[in-house]
Protein backbone atom coordinates (compact mmCIF):
# COMPACT_ATOMS: atom_id res chain seq x y z
CA MET A 1 0.00 0.00 0.00
CA LYS A 2 2.81 2.37 0.92
CA LYS A 3 4.59 1.60 -2.34
CA PHE A 4 1.38 2.31 -4.27
CA LEU A 5 0.89 5.64 -2.49
CA LEU A 6 4.52 6.59 -3.09
CA LEU A 7 4.23 5.70 -6.81
CA ALA A 8 0.95 7.61 -7.11
CA GLY A 9 2.54 10.63 -5.44
CA MET A 10 5.52 10.54 -7.81
CA VAL A 11 3.23 10.28 -10.85
CA GLY A 12 1.13 13.17 -9.56
CA LEU A 13 4.24 15.28 -8.98
CA PHE A 14 5.54 14.49 -12.48
CA LEU A 15 2.21 15.40 -14.09
CA GLY A 16 2.04 18.56 -12.00
CA VAL A 17 5.48 19.61 -13.17
CA GLN A 18 4.46 18.96 -16.79
CA VAL A 19 1.26 20.99 -16.45
CA ASN A 20 3.11 23.83 -14.71
CA ALA A 21 5.83 23.83 -17.39
CA ALA A 22 3.21 23.91 -20.12
CA ALA A 23 1.41 26.78 -18.38
CA GLN A 24 4.65 28.74 -18.20
CA ALA A 25 5.67 27.99 -21.79
CA LYS A 26 7.00 31.10 -23.44
CA LYS A 27 4.69 32.66 -25.99
CA PRO A 28 5.85 34.45 -29.13
CA THR A 29 5.64 38.24 -29.07
CA ILE A 30 3.34 39.53 -31.78
CA MET A 31 2.59 42.84 -33.46
CA VAL A 32 -0.53 43.49 -35.55
CA VAL A 33 -0.03 45.60 -38.68
CA PRO A 34 -2.24 46.44 -41.67
CA SER A 35 -1.17 44.55 -44.79
CA ASP A 36 0.67 46.15 -47.68
CA ALA A 37 -2.44 45.62 -49.82
CA TRP A 38 -4.68 47.47 -47.34
CA CYS A 39 -2.21 50.37 -47.06
CA ASN A 40 -1.92 50.62 -50.83
CA GLN A 41 -5.70 50.51 -51.37
CA ASN A 42 -6.20 53.27 -48.83
CA GLY A 43 -3.34 55.50 -49.99
CA TYR A 44 -0.98 54.97 -47.06
CA MET A 45 2.33 54.33 -48.80
CA LEU A 46 5.68 55.96 -48.15
CA GLU A 47 8.39 56.45 -50.76
CA TYR A 48 12.00 56.33 -49.61
CA ASP A 49 15.38 56.46 -51.28
CA ASN A 50 17.10 53.08 -51.39
CA GLN A 51 20.59 53.94 -52.60
CA GLY A 52 19.29 55.95 -55.54
CA ARG A 53 16.24 53.76 -56.21
CA LYS A 54 12.76 54.86 -55.15
CA ASP A 55 10.98 52.16 -53.15
CA LYS A 56 7.55 52.18 -51.50
CA VAL A 57 6.60 50.77 -48.11
CA PRO A 58 3.46 51.09 -45.96
CA ASP A 59 3.17 54.42 -44.12
CA TYR A 60 1.91 53.09 -40.80
CA TYR A 61 2.40 56.39 -39.01
CA ARG A 62 0.04 58.34 -41.28
CA ALA A 63 -2.45 55.47 -41.39
CA LEU A 64 -2.64 55.44 -37.58
CA GLN A 65 -3.08 59.21 -37.48
CA GLU A 66 -5.78 59.41 -40.12
CA ASN A 67 -7.75 56.15 -40.01
CA THR A 68 -9.73 55.59 -36.81
CA ASP A 69 -11.00 52.22 -38.10
CA LEU A 70 -7.41 50.97 -38.19
CA LEU A 71 -6.88 51.88 -34.53
CA LEU A 72 -10.10 50.14 -33.52
CA VAL A 73 -9.33 47.03 -35.58
CA ILE A 74 -5.79 46.68 -34.18
CA SER A 75 -7.12 47.23 -30.67
CA LYS A 76 -9.72 44.49 -31.16
CA ILE A 77 -7.18 41.96 -32.47
CA ASN A 78 -4.84 42.87 -29.60
CA GLU A 79 -7.69 42.24 -27.18
CA LEU A 80 -8.56 38.86 -28.69
CA MET A 81 -4.92 37.73 -28.62
CA ALA A 82 -4.33 38.98 -25.06
CA GLU A 83 -7.34 36.99 -23.85
CA ARG A 84 -5.58 33.89 -25.18
CA GLY A 85 -2.30 34.62 -23.42
CA PHE A 86 -0.25 35.98 -26.31
CA PRO A 87 1.86 39.06 -25.50
CA LEU A 88 1.52 41.86 -28.02
CA LYS A 89 3.57 44.79 -29.19
CA ASN A 90 1.54 47.87 -30.00
CA LEU A 91 2.15 49.30 -33.48
CA GLU A 92 1.35 52.86 -32.44
CA SER A 93 3.80 52.73 -29.52
CA ALA A 94 6.50 51.20 -31.73
CA MET A 95 6.04 53.97 -34.31
CA LYS A 96 6.40 56.64 -31.61
CA THR A 97 9.61 55.03 -30.39
CA LEU A 98 10.91 54.86 -33.94
CA ARG A 99 10.26 58.55 -34.53
CA GLN A 100 12.01 59.41 -31.28
CA GLU A 101 15.06 57.55 -32.60
CA ALA A 102 14.91 59.30 -35.98
CA ALA A 103 18.42 60.65 -35.44
CA GLU A 104 19.75 57.12 -35.90
CA ASP A 105 21.71 56.91 -39.13
CA ALA A 106 19.88 54.87 -41.78
CA LEU A 107 23.14 53.79 -43.43
CA ALA A 108 25.99 51.72 -42.04
CA ALA A 109 29.12 52.82 -43.88
CA SER A 110 32.58 51.30 -44.05
CA SER A 111 35.75 53.36 -43.69
CA SER A 112 35.93 53.30 -47.49
CA GLY A 113 32.44 54.75 -47.81
CA GLU A 114 30.64 51.53 -48.75
CA SER A 115 27.08 51.33 -47.40
CA VAL A 116 24.11 49.05 -46.85
CA ALA A 117 20.56 50.43 -47.04
CA GLU A 118 17.96 49.83 -44.36
CA SER A 119 14.29 50.35 -45.13
CA PRO A 120 11.82 52.05 -42.76
CA ILE A 121 10.15 48.67 -42.23
CA ASP A 122 13.49 47.08 -41.28
CA LYS A 123 13.96 49.82 -38.69
CA LEU A 124 10.47 49.27 -37.32
CA LYS A 125 11.08 45.53 -36.96
CA LYS A 126 14.25 46.22 -34.99
CA THR A 127 12.40 48.67 -32.75
CA ALA A 128 9.38 46.44 -32.13
CA LYS A 129 11.43 43.25 -31.62
CA ALA A 130 8.37 41.06 -32.25
CA ASP A 131 8.77 37.41 -33.21
CA ILE A 132 5.70 37.38 -35.45
CA TRP A 133 3.90 40.03 -37.49
CA MET A 134 0.16 39.59 -37.93
CA GLN A 135 -0.72 41.24 -41.24
CA LEU A 136 -4.40 42.07 -41.52
CA THR A 137 -6.50 42.93 -44.57
CA TRP A 138 -10.22 43.56 -44.35
CA THR A 139 -13.09 44.75 -46.52
CA VAL A 140 -16.53 45.84 -45.32
CA ASN A 141 -19.41 44.46 -47.39
CA VAL A 142 -22.70 46.39 -47.41
CA GLN A 143 -26.05 44.92 -48.42
CA GLY A 144 -28.97 47.15 -47.52
CA PRO A 145 -28.95 47.85 -43.77
CA LYS A 146 -26.73 44.84 -43.08
CA ARG A 147 -22.95 44.73 -43.14
CA SER A 148 -20.36 41.98 -43.02
CA ILE A 149 -16.59 41.87 -43.13
CA THR A 150 -14.20 39.81 -45.22
CA PHE A 151 -10.76 39.43 -43.66
CA ASN A 152 -7.39 37.84 -44.34
CA LEU A 153 -4.98 37.33 -41.45
CA GLN A 154 -1.37 36.25 -42.04
CA GLY A 155 1.14 35.31 -39.38
CA LEU A 156 4.63 36.13 -40.69
CA ASP A 157 7.94 35.21 -39.09
CA ALA A 158 9.52 38.62 -38.52
CA TYR A 159 13.01 37.23 -39.26
CA THR A 160 12.31 35.42 -42.52
CA ASP A 161 9.00 36.97 -43.71
CA LYS A 162 7.72 33.41 -44.23
CA GLN A 163 4.03 32.82 -43.56
CA ILE A 164 3.61 30.41 -40.68
CA ALA A 165 -0.13 30.78 -40.03
CA GLY A 166 -3.15 32.07 -41.89
CA ALA A 167 -6.88 32.58 -41.55
CA SER A 168 -9.48 34.14 -43.81
CA GLY A 169 -13.21 34.28 -44.18
CA THR A 170 -16.37 36.38 -44.26
CA GLY A 171 -18.46 36.96 -41.17
CA ALA A 172 -22.23 36.70 -40.99
CA GLN A 173 -24.26 39.73 -41.99
CA SER A 174 -25.06 42.00 -39.07
CA PHE A 175 -26.80 45.26 -38.27
CA ALA A 176 -23.67 46.29 -36.32
CA SER A 177 -22.10 49.48 -37.65
CA GLU A 178 -18.65 49.32 -36.03
CA THR A 179 -15.94 47.71 -38.14
CA ALA A 180 -14.19 46.31 -35.05
CA VAL A 181 -17.37 44.52 -33.94
CA LEU A 182 -17.85 43.00 -37.39
CA LEU A 183 -14.20 41.89 -37.41
CA GLU A 184 -14.50 40.21 -34.02
CA GLU A 185 -17.56 38.27 -35.19
CA ALA A 186 -15.72 37.14 -38.34
CA VAL A 187 -12.39 36.27 -36.68
CA LEU A 188 -13.64 34.40 -33.59
CA ALA A 189 -14.30 31.18 -35.51
CA HIS A 190 -10.69 31.08 -36.76
CA ILE A 191 -8.45 32.66 -34.14
CA ASP A 192 -7.86 29.65 -31.87
CA ASN A 193 -6.65 27.45 -34.74
CA PHE A 194 -4.56 30.39 -35.95
CA ASN A 195 -2.94 30.69 -32.51
CA VAL A 196 -2.20 26.96 -32.38
CA LYS A 197 -0.15 27.38 -35.58
CA LEU A 198 1.66 30.42 -34.16
CA GLN A 199 2.55 28.57 -30.96
CA GLY A 200 3.65 25.49 -32.92
CA HIS A 201 6.01 27.60 -35.00
CA PHE A 202 7.47 29.20 -31.89
CA GLU A 203 7.95 25.85 -30.16
CA ASP A 204 9.76 24.61 -33.28
CA MET A 205 12.14 27.55 -32.90
CA PHE A 206 12.86 26.54 -29.30
CA THR A 207 13.68 23.01 -30.43
CA ASN A 208 15.40 23.60 -33.75
CA GLY A 209 16.54 27.22 -33.57
CA ARG A 210 15.53 30.43 -35.30
CA GLU A 211 15.99 30.51 -39.07
CA VAL A 212 18.25 33.28 -40.40
CA ILE A 213 20.51 34.07 -43.35
CA LEU A 214 24.24 34.88 -43.29
CA ARG A 215 26.10 36.50 -46.18
CA ILE A 216 29.87 36.84 -46.34
CA LYS A 217 31.42 39.38 -48.71
CA ARG A 218 34.81 41.01 -49.05
CA TRP A 219 35.89 44.56 -49.67
CA ASN A 220 37.80 45.22 -52.90
CA SER A 221 40.58 46.65 -50.75
CA MET A 222 41.12 43.32 -48.97
CA ASP A 223 44.56 41.75 -49.34
CA GLY A 224 43.50 38.25 -50.41
CA ASP A 225 40.09 36.62 -50.69
CA LEU A 226 38.02 33.80 -49.18
CA ASP A 227 40.35 31.22 -50.77
CA THR A 228 43.34 32.66 -48.91
CA GLU A 229 44.89 29.97 -46.69
CA PHE A 230 45.45 30.26 -42.96
CA GLY A 231 47.50 27.22 -42.08
CA ASP A 232 45.81 24.20 -43.66
CA MET A 233 42.40 25.86 -44.13
CA THR A 234 41.09 28.61 -46.37
CA LEU A 235 39.22 31.56 -44.91
CA GLY A 236 36.01 30.19 -46.44
CA GLU A 237 36.55 26.82 -44.75
CA ILE A 238 37.18 28.55 -41.42
CA ILE A 239 33.91 30.46 -41.70
CA ASP A 240 31.98 27.35 -42.74
CA GLY A 241 33.44 25.43 -39.79
CA TRP A 242 32.38 28.17 -37.36
CA VAL A 243 28.83 28.17 -38.73
CA ASN A 244 28.70 24.38 -38.42
CA GLU A 245 29.73 24.55 -34.76
CA ASN A 246 27.42 27.44 -33.84
CA THR A 247 24.10 26.32 -35.28
CA VAL A 248 21.44 24.19 -33.59
CA ASN A 249 22.12 20.55 -34.52
CA HIS A 250 24.48 21.87 -37.24
CA ARG A 251 21.48 22.85 -39.36
CA TYR A 252 22.29 25.20 -42.24
CA SER A 253 22.80 25.19 -46.00
CA GLN A 254 25.73 26.79 -47.80
CA THR A 255 23.90 27.58 -51.02
CA ASP A 256 26.56 29.62 -52.82
CA ALA A 257 30.26 30.30 -52.49
CA SER A 258 33.18 31.78 -54.42
CA GLU A 259 36.46 33.47 -53.65
CA ASN A 260 34.51 36.70 -53.06
CA MET A 261 31.30 35.67 -51.27
CA MET A 262 29.46 32.98 -49.32
CA LEU A 263 25.74 32.54 -48.75
CA PHE A 264 24.34 30.51 -45.86
CA GLU A 265 20.58 29.94 -45.81
CA GLN A 266 18.22 28.06 -43.50
CA VAL A 267 20.70 28.78 -40.73
CA ARG A 268 19.23 27.73 -37.38
CA ILE A 269 20.61 29.79 -34.50
CA PRO A 270 19.69 29.28 -30.82
CA LEU A 271 17.18 31.63 -29.20
CA PHE A 272 19.48 32.14 -26.20
CA ASP A 273 23.23 32.28 -25.68
CA ALA A 274 25.22 30.36 -23.05
CA ASN A 275 24.17 32.91 -20.41
CA GLN A 276 20.46 32.50 -21.32
CA LYS A 277 20.40 35.97 -22.84
CA ALA A 278 18.14 36.38 -25.88
CA LEU A 279 20.18 35.92 -29.04
CA ASP A 280 19.25 37.64 -32.29
CA THR A 281 20.87 37.44 -35.72
CA LYS A 282 23.16 40.42 -35.14
CA ALA A 283 24.47 39.15 -31.79
CA TRP A 284 25.06 35.70 -33.29
CA ALA A 285 26.96 37.07 -36.32
CA ARG A 286 28.93 39.37 -34.02
CA GLN A 287 30.47 36.24 -32.45
CA LEU A 288 31.81 35.22 -35.87
CA GLN A 289 33.12 38.72 -36.44
CA LYS A 290 34.97 38.64 -33.09
CA MET A 291 36.45 35.20 -33.82
CA LEU A 292 37.87 36.38 -37.16
CA LYS A 293 39.52 39.37 -35.53
CA GLU A 294 40.87 37.63 -32.43
CA LYS A 295 42.19 34.46 -34.09
CA TYR A 296 43.12 35.68 -37.57
CA GLN A 297 43.41 39.48 -37.22
CA ILE A 298 40.79 39.92 -39.95
CA GLU A 299 38.78 43.13 -39.68
CA SER A 300 35.19 43.13 -40.93
CA LYS A 301 32.01 45.17 -41.09
CA LEU A 302 28.73 43.73 -39.78
CA GLY A 303 25.51 44.98 -41.39
CA MET A 304 21.91 43.87 -41.12
CA LYS A 305 19.04 43.55 -43.57
CA GLY A 306 15.92 43.36 -41.48
CA LEU A 307 16.04 41.11 -38.42
CA GLY A 308 16.95 37.89 -40.17
CA GLN A 309 19.87 38.57 -42.50
CA ALA A 310 23.40 39.40 -41.38
CA VAL A 311 26.04 40.59 -43.83
CA ILE A 312 29.69 40.38 -42.82
CA THR A 313 32.08 42.08 -45.22
CA VAL A 314 35.66 41.09 -44.48
CA GLY A 315 38.82 43.06 -45.12
CA GLU A 316 38.22 46.27 -43.19
CA LYS A 317 35.69 48.12 -41.06
C-alpha cells in the first residue's frame, strides 16, 4: 500500500510539473499591422530612397493618425490575442519610439564609404522586436442595412518573412455598424486554430533554432580573398566550420560560395546564448566577427538587412 501511495505521489508530482511547465511555456511576441495591400488601397504608402532607387513601403504612421477604423481594428485583435495569453507589441507605440530615434543613421558605412541600405520597415522591426507580425486585410461588405466583413490574417515570421499561419473568411451579416465589432464576429471562428499554428512555429524555434541568413562578402581593398589559406584551411573553410559549430544541430545550408562571397541559408541559431540571454541574428553574427579578428586578425564590417539577415564584409571596417 505504501509503495502504491509513493508511486501515485511521484506520478502526480511528475504530471504537475508537466502541467506547470506547459502553463509557463514562453509565448511568441506579436505585433498586428495592416497589410501592404490594405495600405496601398487606402493611400498609405511611403516612398523612400534606397541607394538611388525609389521604393515604396506602408506608411503606418500616417495610417494610424488618419484612419480611426485601423486603430479600432488593431485594438480588437490585440484584445482577442491577449485573452488567449499571447503578448503583443503595439504598433502605435513602436512607431512613436521609432520617430524618437529618428536621429539614428539609416546607413551603415565602411571606412571606405561603402554602405548598406535599411528600409523604414526594417527599422520598425528592430524597434518592435516582435517574433511574429500579424498582417491584416479587411473589406466591409454592405447589403442594404446589413454589413459583413471579409478578412485575411497572415502570421509572418519577422526574421524570414515566411508565412507560418493564416486565416481568412467572411463573417455573418449583421446590423452592427462598427468595423471592429464585425471583425470580431468574423475572426472568432478562426483565431484559436490560428494561434495553435503560431505557438507550434514558436515551439519549433525553441527546439530547432531560429531561421536566419548569413552573407559573407569582401571589400575590394582586402589583401586576399576567401580562398586565402590560414595554415591548412582557407578563410572560407574557417567560416563554414564556425557556422557548423554554432548552429542548432548543425542545421544550415551553404547555397553559394566563391572566392569573393558565401551565402548561408536556412541557418538555425539558438534563441538564447550560453548565459540565457536572448540571441538575435546580429548578436550571433557578431560572435563570428569577433572570432575572425581575435584568431586571424581579420577586420570586418557587420551589417543587417531586417532582423533575419546578417552581412559580414571582411577586409576592413
